[in-house]
Protein backbone atom coordinates (compact mmCIF):
# COMPACT_ATOMS: atom_id res chain seq x y z
CA MET A 1 114.78 100.59 75.85
CA GLU A 2 112.72 102.51 73.28
CA CYS A 3 109.31 103.70 72.63
CA GLY A 4 106.63 101.37 72.96
CA ASP A 5 108.70 99.82 76.05
CA ASP A 6 105.87 101.76 78.76
CA VAL A 7 109.25 103.34 80.14
CA ILE A 8 109.81 106.63 79.55
CA ASN A 9 113.34 107.39 78.19
CA GLY A 10 115.70 109.81 77.26
CA SER A 11 113.39 112.69 75.39
CA GLU A 12 110.41 110.84 75.38
CA ILE A 13 107.77 112.94 76.45
CA CYS A 14 105.35 109.88 77.84
CA ASP A 15 105.56 106.19 76.38
CA ASP A 16 101.90 104.10 77.38
CA GLY A 17 103.37 101.07 75.87
CA ALA A 18 101.44 98.51 73.22
CA SER A 19 98.26 101.86 73.83
CA ASN A 20 100.48 104.00 71.86
CA GLY A 21 98.51 105.44 68.94
CA THR A 22 95.42 105.54 70.48
CA TYR A 23 92.95 108.21 71.49
CA THR A 24 93.93 109.74 75.00
CA ASN A 25 97.70 108.06 75.31
CA CYS A 26 100.71 108.67 73.98
CA ASN A 27 101.53 109.08 69.91
CA ASP A 28 103.99 106.63 68.16
CA ALA A 29 106.95 108.76 68.75
CA CYS A 30 106.05 108.81 72.21
CA THR A 31 106.19 112.79 71.70
CA ALA A 32 102.89 113.76 72.88
CA ASP A 33 99.38 112.91 74.48
CA LEU A 34 96.69 112.01 71.68
CA VAL A 35 94.07 114.41 73.11
CA CYS A 36 91.07 117.27 72.31
CA GLY A 37 92.94 120.38 71.94
CA ASP A 38 96.53 119.38 70.86
CA GLY A 39 96.15 121.00 67.05
CA VAL A 40 96.20 117.05 65.85
CA ILE A 41 93.02 115.60 64.05
CA THR A 42 92.54 112.02 65.74
CA ASP A 43 90.32 110.49 63.67
CA PRO A 44 88.31 108.66 65.43
CA PRO A 45 86.88 110.17 67.23
CA GLU A 46 87.83 114.17 66.73
CA ALA A 47 86.06 115.52 63.28
CA CYS A 48 88.47 118.50 63.57
CA ASP A 49 90.95 120.00 66.53
CA ASP A 50 92.13 123.97 66.22
CA ASN A 51 94.48 123.47 69.36
CA ASN A 52 92.13 124.38 71.50
CA THR A 53 89.36 123.29 74.12
CA THR A 54 87.29 126.65 73.32
CA ASN A 55 83.58 126.63 72.34
CA TYR A 56 81.67 128.43 69.65
CA ASP A 57 85.18 129.05 67.46
CA GLY A 58 84.02 126.52 64.70
CA CYS A 59 85.35 123.42 66.77
CA SER A 60 83.99 121.78 70.30
CA SER A 61 85.76 121.76 73.37
CA VAL A 62 85.71 117.83 72.46
CA CYS A 63 86.56 118.26 69.07
CA ALA A 64 83.34 118.28 67.02
CA THR A 65 82.76 120.38 63.97
CA GLU A 66 80.30 123.72 64.93
CA ALA A 67 78.01 125.40 62.00
CA THR A 68 79.37 129.10 61.62
CA GLY A 69 77.43 131.39 59.21
CA THR A 70 76.60 135.07 58.20
CA ILE A 71 72.47 135.63 58.26
CA ALA A 72 70.99 138.49 57.75
CA CYS A 73 69.05 141.06 60.53
CA SER A 74 67.36 143.89 60.08
CA ASN A 75 67.75 145.48 63.15
CA GLY A 76 71.12 143.44 64.90
CA ASP A 77 68.89 140.81 66.40
CA PHE A 78 67.98 137.56 65.23
CA ASN A 79 65.64 136.03 67.83
CA PHE A 80 66.72 132.64 67.46
CA GLY A 81 66.48 130.69 70.71
CA THR A 82 68.13 132.08 73.02
CA THR A 83 70.69 134.85 72.19
CA THR A 84 74.12 136.24 73.88
CA ALA A 85 75.77 138.97 73.05
CA SER A 86 79.71 137.95 72.25
CA GLY A 87 81.42 141.33 70.11
CA SER A 88 80.22 142.09 67.32
CA SER A 89 78.80 137.89 67.12
CA GLN A 90 75.95 136.34 69.16
CA VAL A 91 76.56 132.50 70.28
CA LEU A 92 72.95 130.69 69.33
CA SER A 93 71.98 128.11 71.84
CA ASP A 94 70.00 125.48 70.33
CA SER A 95 70.91 121.59 69.76
CA ALA A 96 73.31 122.56 66.72
CA ASP A 97 75.26 125.21 69.01
CA ALA A 98 76.07 127.26 66.40
CA ILE A 99 77.87 130.66 65.83
CA PHE A 100 76.51 133.46 63.43
CA GLN A 101 77.90 136.38 62.46
CA CYS A 102 74.88 139.14 62.45
CA VAL A 103 74.88 141.72 59.40
CA ASP A 104 72.80 144.67 59.51
CA MET A 105 70.77 144.67 55.79
CA SER A 106 68.59 147.72 56.82
């Protein structure tokens, strides 16, 4: 009995047999499933994996890279698409799903 036999044995956390090592299945060591949010970039399909499934932190809930940056504002608001206050940042709802820090330049 060993990892890859499709039976969970001893210290194994999972065992998907021949599917081990493929995305959403057990890894090759039978210690964890390969999923978004596990902190391990599984390429493909993950472009990033920051150990969570939170959007707007640079790596999305589906492990896709999100644009981030800083833009200059004179009044503390960028008026770009739909904005939502989120602490000192504002989440922009556009096709890129980006988060930008507004820096008051006045």
